[in-house]
């Protein structure tokens, strides 16, 4: 069902993002990656998420496009495991160790191999949500929001010229409404990656600087790349870290 809609030379991709507040749909062009249509479907208290999703997937406008790919992106807590230590059988135990308050089962566990950084992202996705999407798009690709960020950060790091300071490290941080993701690279090798829950600038500052100190990053030399930061947060972080971009 990926090939739907009118027969045109322009192809489209559908991205369905699932998070704590509901679903967001984004239709983008395969020619230039631009977003041509976007929609949000919040899940209110007392509503079943899969019912909301099913109604959203039946919107008539979706039939107007020729989807060359459909992706279901889980915006849920995730953790990262070195590729050499990853085992499917240990996913649930490892996830529960990292997120003891998350009600998950074996069937909810998902993983995404990130070859460029030799790691695996482990996350959860409600199987009712996945099955609902598969009814409409059987070939849907499942991914994790943190994994997409990490792949992009790794690509950006790879493009940077070799620094004169061999010990220089780059910390990439992307802030969302309720949490942020950070990845630290040294000589294009991933040293650290995690997501943190924080819905205000005070907590974001405290957690980010705590990570900076725990990793022994140098506030006067190492580089901090901030994405999605408010002007106030950028100002505050700049008081502690010299190289902020």
Protein backbone atom coordinates (compact mmCIF):
# COMPACT_ATOMS: atom_id res chain seq x y z
CA UNK A 1 0.00 0.00 0.00
CA UNK A 2 3.03 2.27 -0.15
CA UNK A 3 2.31 3.14 -3.78
CA UNK A 4 -0.91 5.11 -3.43
CA UNK A 5 -2.37 8.21 -5.00
CA UNK A 6 -1.88 9.74 -8.42
CA UNK A 7 0.84 8.66 -10.86
CA UNK A 8 3.31 11.55 -10.88
CA UNK A 9 7.06 11.89 -11.10
CA UNK A 10 7.13 13.31 -7.59
CA UNK A 11 7.33 10.78 -4.78
CA UNK A 12 6.49 11.30 -1.15
CA UNK A 13 7.39 9.90 2.24
CA UNK A 14 5.18 9.65 5.28
CA UNK A 15 6.61 9.99 8.76
CA UNK A 16 4.40 9.09 11.72
CA UNK A 17 5.81 10.18 15.06
CA UNK A 18 4.41 8.66 18.25
CA UNK A 19 5.06 10.26 21.61
CA UNK A 20 3.49 10.82 25.01
CA UNK A 21 1.16 13.53 23.69
CA UNK A 22 -0.09 11.65 20.62
CA UNK A 23 0.79 11.42 16.95
CA UNK A 24 2.13 13.77 14.33
CA UNK A 25 2.05 13.06 10.59
CA UNK A 26 4.48 14.63 8.13
CA UNK A 27 4.36 14.18 4.35
CA UNK A 28 7.60 15.18 2.63
CA UNK A 29 8.77 15.28 -0.98
CA UNK A 30 11.45 12.85 -2.09
CA UNK A 31 12.76 15.46 -4.51
CA UNK A 32 13.99 18.03 -1.99
CA UNK A 33 12.88 16.72 1.41
CA UNK A 34 10.49 19.63 1.95
CA UNK A 35 7.38 19.13 4.08
CA UNK A 36 4.23 19.43 1.99
CA UNK A 37 1.68 18.59 4.67
CA UNK A 38 1.70 18.10 8.42
CA UNK A 39 -0.96 17.16 10.93
CA UNK A 40 -1.20 16.44 14.66
CA UNK A 41 -3.51 14.01 16.44
CA UNK A 42 -3.36 14.42 20.22
CA UNK A 43 -4.36 11.61 22.56
CA UNK A 44 -6.48 12.92 25.39
CA UNK A 45 -6.96 11.23 28.75
CA UNK A 46 -9.31 8.28 28.45
CA UNK A 47 -8.69 7.83 24.73
CA UNK A 48 -7.08 4.68 23.28
CA UNK A 49 -3.95 5.55 21.32
CA UNK A 50 -4.50 2.92 18.65
CA UNK A 51 -8.08 4.18 18.05
CA UNK A 52 -6.79 7.71 17.51
CA UNK A 53 -4.12 6.37 15.17
CA UNK A 54 -6.57 4.28 13.14
CA UNK A 55 -8.83 7.28 12.53
CA UNK A 56 -5.82 9.39 11.56
CA UNK A 57 -4.64 6.78 9.05
CA UNK A 58 -8.03 6.88 7.36
CA UNK A 59 -7.81 10.58 6.54
CA UNK A 60 -8.72 11.01 2.84
CA UNK A 61 -5.78 13.31 2.07
CA UNK A 62 -3.32 10.45 2.62
CA UNK A 63 -4.62 8.86 -0.59
CA UNK A 64 -3.53 11.94 -2.56
CA UNK A 65 0.14 11.02 -2.28
CA UNK A 66 2.44 8.38 -3.73
CA UNK A 67 4.36 7.13 -0.69
CA UNK A 68 7.74 5.64 -1.52
CA UNK A 69 8.38 5.02 2.15
CA UNK A 70 6.54 5.13 5.46
CA UNK A 71 8.34 5.47 8.78
CA UNK A 72 6.99 5.09 12.30
CA UNK A 73 9.19 7.05 14.70
CA UNK A 74 8.97 6.32 18.43
CA UNK A 75 9.61 9.42 20.53
CA UNK A 76 10.05 7.36 23.69
CA UNK A 77 12.90 6.84 26.20
CA UNK A 78 15.79 4.92 24.67
CA UNK A 79 19.16 3.61 25.75
CA UNK A 80 22.27 2.70 23.81
CA UNK A 81 24.37 -0.46 23.94
CA UNK A 82 27.77 -1.11 22.30
CA UNK A 83 27.26 -3.39 19.31
CA UNK A 84 29.72 -5.99 20.63
CA UNK A 85 27.71 -6.37 23.87
CA UNK A 86 24.22 -6.38 22.36
CA UNK A 87 21.93 -9.39 22.72
CA UNK A 88 18.24 -9.52 21.79
CA UNK A 89 17.56 -11.75 24.76
CA UNK A 90 18.85 -9.13 27.19
CA UNK A 91 16.93 -6.15 25.78
CA UNK A 92 14.04 -6.18 28.26
CA UNK A 93 16.23 -6.65 31.34
CA UNK A 94 18.60 -3.92 30.21
CA UNK A 95 15.77 -1.52 29.40
CA UNK A 96 14.08 -2.11 32.76
CA UNK A 97 17.40 -1.47 34.48
CA UNK A 98 17.69 1.92 32.75
CA UNK A 99 13.98 2.82 33.00
CA UNK A 100 12.53 0.96 36.01
CA UNK A 101 9.28 2.93 35.92
CA UNK A 102 8.38 2.07 32.33
CA UNK A 103 5.63 -0.58 31.96
CA UNK A 104 7.06 -2.61 29.06
CA UNK A 105 6.98 -6.23 27.93
CA UNK A 106 9.14 -8.36 25.64
CA UNK A 107 6.80 -7.73 22.69
CA UNK A 108 7.25 -3.96 23.07
CA UNK A 109 11.03 -4.04 22.74
CA UNK A 110 12.62 -2.70 19.57
CA UNK A 111 16.20 -2.11 18.54
CA UNK A 112 17.98 -0.18 15.83
CA UNK A 113 21.55 -0.94 14.76
CA UNK A 114 23.68 2.16 14.23
CA UNK A 115 26.65 0.92 12.22
CA UNK A 116 28.48 4.28 11.93
CA UNK A 117 28.90 4.44 15.72
CA UNK A 118 29.05 0.65 16.32
CA UNK A 119 26.12 0.75 18.72
CA UNK A 120 22.51 -0.35 19.10
CA UNK A 121 19.64 1.83 20.27
CA UNK A 122 17.12 -0.05 22.42
CA UNK A 123 13.62 1.42 22.81
CA UNK A 124 10.01 0.39 23.31
CA UNK A 125 6.96 0.67 21.07
CA UNK A 126 3.44 -0.47 21.92
CA UNK A 127 2.71 -3.44 19.65
CA UNK A 128 -0.92 -2.29 19.18
CA UNK A 129 0.44 0.91 17.63
CA UNK A 130 2.77 -0.98 15.31
CA UNK A 131 0.11 -3.47 14.21
CA UNK A 132 -2.33 -0.64 13.46
CA UNK A 133 0.15 1.07 11.15
CA UNK A 134 1.04 -2.25 9.49
CA UNK A 135 -2.61 -2.78 8.57
CA UNK A 136 -2.34 0.25 6.29
CA UNK A 137 1.37 0.12 5.44
CA UNK A 138 2.79 -3.42 5.86
CA UNK A 139 6.33 -2.32 4.92
CA UNK A 140 6.52 0.47 7.49
CA UNK A 141 10.00 1.09 8.86
CA UNK A 142 10.27 1.46 12.65
CA UNK A 143 12.85 3.81 14.10
CA UNK A 144 13.62 5.76 17.24
CA UNK A 145 13.85 9.53 17.52
CA UNK A 146 17.11 9.35 19.52
CA UNK A 147 18.63 7.00 16.93
CA UNK A 148 17.83 9.45 14.13
CA UNK A 149 19.46 12.25 16.09
CA UNK A 150 22.55 10.18 16.81
CA UNK A 151 22.95 9.24 13.15
CA UNK A 152 22.68 12.90 12.14
CA UNK A 153 25.17 14.01 14.79
CA UNK A 154 27.61 11.29 13.71
CA UNK A 155 27.31 12.48 10.11
CA UNK A 156 27.94 16.10 11.13
CA UNK A 157 30.95 15.08 13.20
CA UNK A 158 32.39 13.05 10.31
CA UNK A 159 32.37 16.13 8.08
CA UNK A 160 34.40 18.24 10.50
CA UNK A 161 38.10 18.74 9.73
CA UNK A 162 40.63 17.17 12.06
CA UNK A 163 41.26 19.65 14.92
CA UNK A 164 44.69 20.87 15.92
CA UNK A 165 43.84 19.82 19.47
CA UNK A 166 43.89 16.00 19.37
CA UNK A 167 41.94 15.85 22.62
CA UNK A 168 39.10 18.08 21.47
CA UNK A 169 35.62 16.67 22.03
CA UNK A 170 32.29 17.73 20.57
CA UNK A 171 29.02 17.45 22.51
CA UNK A 172 25.84 17.64 20.42
CA UNK A 173 22.62 18.37 22.31
CA UNK A 174 19.06 18.58 20.98
CA UNK A 175 16.37 19.95 23.30
CA UNK A 176 12.71 18.96 23.07
CA UNK A 177 9.73 20.05 25.13
CA UNK A 178 10.12 17.39 27.81
CA UNK A 179 13.58 15.89 27.34
CA UNK A 180 16.86 16.29 25.54
CA UNK A 181 19.38 14.05 23.85
CA UNK A 182 23.16 14.44 24.03
CA UNK A 183 26.00 12.67 22.19
CA UNK A 184 29.71 13.23 22.73
CA UNK A 185 32.37 12.45 20.11
CA UNK A 186 36.16 12.29 20.24
CA UNK A 187 38.07 11.87 16.98
CA UNK A 188 34.79 10.91 15.27
CA UNK A 189 34.24 8.10 17.78
CA UNK A 190 31.15 8.06 19.98
CA UNK A 191 32.07 8.32 23.65
CA UNK A 192 28.72 8.91 25.28
CA UNK A 193 25.02 9.19 24.37
CA UNK A 194 21.85 9.42 26.43
CA UNK A 195 18.48 11.14 26.77
CA UNK A 196 17.42 13.07 29.87
CA UNK A 197 13.98 14.13 31.06
CA UNK A 198 13.75 17.91 31.53
CA UNK A 199 10.87 20.26 30.77
CA UNK A 200 12.36 23.57 31.95
CA UNK A 201 15.60 25.49 31.41
CA UNK A 202 16.70 25.16 35.04
CA UNK A 203 16.66 21.36 34.89
CA UNK A 204 18.22 21.36 31.41
CA UNK A 205 21.11 23.49 32.65
CA UNK A 206 21.65 21.36 35.76
CA UNK A 207 21.62 18.06 33.86
CA UNK A 208 23.75 19.24 30.95
CA UNK A 209 26.43 20.71 33.19
CA UNK A 210 26.30 17.56 35.33
CA UNK A 211 27.04 15.44 32.27
CA UNK A 212 29.79 17.86 31.25
CA UNK A 213 31.46 17.46 34.65
CA UNK A 214 30.96 13.68 34.86
CA UNK A 215 32.67 13.19 31.48
CA UNK A 216 35.46 15.59 32.47
CA UNK A 217 34.78 17.76 29.43
CA UNK A 218 36.82 20.94 29.36
CA UNK A 219 34.64 24.08 29.59
CA UNK A 220 37.34 26.23 27.99
CA UNK A 221 38.22 23.96 25.04
CA UNK A 222 35.61 21.32 24.18
CA UNK A 223 32.69 22.35 21.99
CA UNK A 224 29.01 22.28 22.92
CA UNK A 225 26.53 22.30 20.00
CA UNK A 226 23.04 23.33 21.14
CA UNK A 227 19.92 22.69 19.07
CA UNK A 228 16.45 23.77 20.13
CA UNK A 229 17.72 25.81 23.09
CA UNK A 230 15.90 28.94 24.18
CA UNK A 231 17.74 32.25 24.19
CA UNK A 232 17.85 32.19 27.99
CA UNK A 233 19.26 28.66 28.09
CA UNK A 234 21.89 29.53 25.50
CA UNK A 235 22.93 32.55 27.56
CA UNK A 236 23.16 30.52 30.77
CA UNK A 237 25.16 27.67 29.25
CA UNK A 238 27.54 30.19 27.64
CA UNK A 239 28.44 31.43 31.12
CA UNK A 240 29.91 28.01 31.95
CA UNK A 241 31.08 26.66 28.58
CA UNK A 242 33.27 28.85 26.38
CA UNK A 243 32.73 27.22 22.97
CA UNK A 244 28.97 27.07 22.40
CA UNK A 245 27.60 26.80 18.87
